[in-house]
Amino acid sequence: MTDAALSSLFLDVIIAGVSSPDATPNADLVHDRWRAREAPHGDFIMFSDGSLSVMELVRFSPAGRLHDMRAEDWQWWEVLRATAWTPGKWMDVDTTFASCTYAGSRALAGESSDHGSIGWVALTRDDDHNTLEWIAVSCSSNPFTEVTLDATTVTATSTLGRIWTFPRVTPQLVKITGDPTCP
């Protein structure tokens, strides 16, 4: 991600807990936005404590096979972690295509249809408010139409068929574990 692209994602990013009067690290704001079904626009994981992980989707192709989609390998990498931040804009995460519960938790997956079919995946508590644990938004991904949840993992499948595996407690370590375009 170029410095210009990274700068365009934020009005203000402050690392390591340094605060700013216009920064929004507060958990109440995160939960208010989640209840309104909003998330930061970009490639992010927003955590319930108000922290944010900026991610970048990177595609790799083996040498000599640069234009062979069957040989592509994808990774979503954490670029930086912010404890105080102000998003450039919020977007609706308004369409839920899939939901799965397990042991008091719920995984949800869908799209932001008003913003170009952006994919999102969330982990919540399975309570009356679906209290947010984290939400991952990828402007670089197709919408997610399937989601499963177990004791350690949230697994979501995009409409393109890529399978994203999020560790429940460290979703920024997501792996794209499958790609149906590969034979």
Protein backbone atom coordinates (compact mmCIF):
# COMPACT_ATOMS: atom_id res chain seq x y z
CA MET A 1 0.00 0.00 0.00
CA THR A 2 1.48 3.34 -1.02
CA ASP A 3 1.89 6.16 1.48
CA ALA A 4 -0.71 8.18 -0.43
CA ALA A 5 -3.23 5.32 -0.34
CA LEU A 6 -2.60 4.75 3.34
CA SER A 7 -3.03 8.46 4.04
CA SER A 8 -6.32 8.51 2.18
CA LEU A 9 -7.68 5.81 4.50
CA PHE A 10 -7.45 8.03 7.55
CA LEU A 11 -7.87 11.64 8.48
CA ASP A 12 -5.78 10.87 11.53
CA VAL A 13 -3.99 7.74 12.75
CA ILE A 14 -2.19 7.69 16.06
CA ILE A 15 -0.22 4.64 17.09
CA ALA A 16 0.66 3.31 20.55
CA GLY A 17 -2.09 4.96 22.54
CA VAL A 18 -1.23 8.60 21.93
CA SER A 19 -4.51 10.46 21.85
CA SER A 20 -5.94 13.31 19.84
CA PRO A 21 -9.07 15.33 20.59
CA ASP A 22 -10.73 14.20 17.35
CA ALA A 23 -9.60 10.57 17.51
CA THR A 24 -12.29 7.96 18.13
CA PRO A 25 -10.84 4.98 19.98
CA ASN A 26 -13.85 4.76 22.25
CA ALA A 27 -15.69 1.45 22.46
CA ASP A 28 -19.09 3.16 22.82
CA LEU A 29 -18.72 4.73 19.38
CA VAL A 30 -17.73 1.36 17.88
CA HIS A 31 -20.85 -0.29 19.33
CA ASP A 32 -23.09 2.62 18.27
CA ARG A 33 -21.78 2.31 14.70
CA TRP A 34 -22.24 -1.48 14.77
CA ARG A 35 -25.85 -1.13 15.98
CA ALA A 36 -26.38 1.29 13.06
CA ARG A 37 -24.71 -1.38 10.85
CA GLU A 38 -21.78 0.84 9.92
CA ALA A 39 -18.06 0.13 9.66
CA PRO A 40 -15.03 2.12 8.47
CA HIS A 41 -14.69 2.25 4.69
CA GLY A 42 -11.48 0.54 3.57
CA ASP A 43 -9.64 -2.67 4.42
CA PHE A 44 -9.90 -2.89 8.20
CA ILE A 45 -10.61 -4.97 11.24
CA MET A 46 -12.41 -2.86 13.84
CA PHE A 47 -12.31 -4.31 17.36
CA SER A 48 -14.90 -3.83 20.10
CA ASP A 49 -12.38 -1.99 22.30
CA GLY A 50 -12.10 0.75 19.67
CA SER A 51 -8.78 -0.31 18.17
CA LEU A 52 -8.36 -0.76 14.44
CA SER A 53 -6.15 -2.93 12.24
CA VAL A 54 -5.42 -1.61 8.74
CA MET A 55 -5.08 -4.47 6.27
CA GLU A 56 -3.90 -4.92 2.69
CA LEU A 57 -4.94 -7.71 0.32
CA VAL A 58 -1.85 -8.92 -1.56
CA ARG A 59 -1.86 -11.29 -4.53
CA PHE A 60 1.13 -13.49 -5.33
CA SER A 61 1.71 -15.46 -8.52
CA PRO A 62 4.55 -17.94 -8.99
CA ALA A 63 7.30 -16.92 -11.40
CA GLY A 64 6.39 -17.71 -14.99
CA ARG A 65 2.65 -17.88 -14.17
CA LEU A 66 1.85 -14.20 -13.63
CA HIS A 67 -1.38 -14.30 -15.65
CA ASP A 68 -2.61 -17.72 -14.51
CA MET A 69 -5.43 -17.13 -11.97
CA ARG A 70 -5.23 -20.79 -10.94
CA ALA A 71 -1.75 -20.15 -9.54
CA GLU A 72 -2.65 -17.11 -7.44
CA ASP A 73 -2.03 -17.08 -3.71
CA TRP A 74 -3.69 -14.37 -1.59
CA GLN A 75 -2.83 -12.97 1.84
CA TRP A 76 -4.44 -10.22 3.89
CA TRP A 77 -1.64 -8.47 5.78
CA GLU A 78 -1.84 -6.13 8.73
CA VAL A 79 -0.20 -2.85 7.69
CA LEU A 80 -0.62 -1.05 11.01
CA ARG A 81 -2.59 -1.12 14.27
CA ALA A 82 -4.23 2.06 15.57
CA THR A 83 -5.45 2.60 19.11
CA ALA A 84 -6.78 6.05 18.25
CA TRP A 85 -8.10 6.86 14.81
CA THR A 86 -10.64 8.77 12.79
CA PRO A 87 -11.97 7.12 9.63
CA GLY A 88 -12.20 9.02 6.38
CA LYS A 89 -15.79 7.80 6.12
CA TRP A 90 -18.18 5.15 7.42
CA MET A 91 -20.09 2.75 5.20
CA ASP A 92 -23.17 0.59 5.66
CA VAL A 93 -22.67 -3.12 6.31
CA ASP A 94 -26.33 -3.54 5.61
CA THR A 95 -26.80 -6.91 3.97
CA THR A 96 -26.26 -10.15 5.91
CA PHE A 97 -26.04 -13.27 3.72
CA ALA A 98 -24.98 -15.80 6.36
CA SER A 99 -25.01 -16.34 10.10
CA CYS A 100 -23.71 -19.16 12.32
CA THR A 101 -23.81 -19.60 16.10
CA TYR A 102 -21.51 -21.56 18.37
CA ALA A 103 -21.22 -21.60 22.18
CA GLY A 104 -22.58 -18.10 22.83
CA SER A 105 -21.01 -16.44 19.79
CA ARG A 106 -22.36 -15.58 16.35
CA ALA A 107 -20.49 -15.07 13.08
CA LEU A 108 -22.12 -12.94 10.40
CA ALA A 109 -21.09 -12.31 6.80
CA GLY A 110 -22.41 -10.19 3.98
CA GLU A 111 -21.88 -7.17 1.80
CA SER A 112 -22.09 -3.42 1.72
CA SER A 113 -24.28 -3.23 -1.36
CA ASP A 114 -24.44 0.56 -1.42
CA HIS A 115 -20.66 0.73 -1.70
CA GLY A 116 -19.87 -1.57 -4.60
CA SER A 117 -20.46 -5.03 -3.12
CA ILE A 118 -17.77 -4.81 -0.44
CA GLY A 119 -17.40 -7.96 1.68
CA TRP A 120 -17.54 -8.03 5.49
CA VAL A 121 -17.35 -10.63 8.28
CA ALA A 122 -18.17 -10.03 11.97
CA LEU A 123 -17.90 -11.95 15.23
CA THR A 124 -20.46 -11.02 17.89
CA ARG A 125 -21.85 -12.37 21.10
CA ASP A 126 -25.06 -14.29 20.55
CA ASP A 127 -27.07 -11.95 22.78
CA ASP A 128 -30.05 -9.67 22.19
CA HIS A 129 -27.82 -6.94 20.75
CA ASN A 130 -25.33 -9.09 18.82
CA THR A 131 -22.61 -7.25 20.78
CA LEU A 132 -19.63 -6.79 18.47
CA GLU A 133 -16.28 -8.50 19.12
CA TRP A 134 -14.77 -7.47 15.76
CA ILE A 135 -15.72 -6.73 12.17
CA ALA A 136 -13.48 -7.22 9.13
CA VAL A 137 -14.24 -5.16 6.03
CA SER A 138 -12.45 -5.71 2.74
CA CYS A 139 -13.05 -3.32 -0.14
CA SER A 140 -10.80 -5.70 -2.08
CA SER A 141 -13.05 -8.73 -1.53
CA ASN A 142 -16.29 -9.83 -3.06
CA PRO A 143 -19.22 -10.17 -0.63
CA PHE A 144 -19.21 -13.14 1.73
CA THR A 145 -22.10 -15.59 1.28
CA GLU A 146 -21.17 -18.38 3.70
CA VAL A 147 -19.83 -18.35 7.24
CA THR A 148 -19.03 -21.04 9.83
CA LEU A 149 -17.88 -20.73 13.41
CA ASP A 150 -16.19 -23.12 15.82
CA ALA A 151 -14.18 -22.83 19.04
CA THR A 152 -11.14 -21.28 17.34
CA THR A 153 -12.08 -20.03 13.87
CA VAL A 154 -14.50 -17.95 11.82
CA THR A 155 -14.45 -19.17 8.21
CA ALA A 156 -16.12 -17.14 5.46
CA THR A 157 -16.49 -17.86 1.74
CA SER A 158 -16.76 -15.03 -0.78
CA THR A 159 -18.99 -15.03 -3.85
CA LEU A 160 -15.80 -15.61 -5.85
CA GLY A 161 -15.25 -18.75 -3.75
CA ARG A 162 -12.18 -17.66 -1.79
CA ILE A 163 -12.18 -19.06 1.75
CA TRP A 164 -11.01 -16.71 4.48
CA THR A 165 -10.08 -18.26 7.85
CA PHE A 166 -10.04 -15.80 10.77
CA PRO A 167 -8.68 -16.90 14.16
CA ARG A 168 -11.40 -15.81 16.61
CA VAL A 169 -9.09 -13.96 19.01
CA THR A 170 -6.59 -12.64 16.44
CA PRO A 171 -8.59 -11.99 13.24
CA GLN A 172 -5.77 -9.87 11.81
CA LEU A 173 -3.91 -13.18 11.28
CA VAL A 174 -6.48 -14.21 8.67
CA LYS A 175 -5.46 -16.70 5.98
CA ILE A 176 -7.06 -17.20 2.62
CA THR A 177 -7.01 -20.99 2.73
CA GLY A 178 -8.81 -21.98 -0.41
CA ASP A 179 -9.42 -20.80 -3.92
CA PRO A 180 -11.77 -22.72 -6.23
CA THR A 181 -10.05 -21.28 -9.29
CA CYS A 182 -7.17 -23.64 -8.55
CA PRO A 183 -7.54 -27.12 -10.11
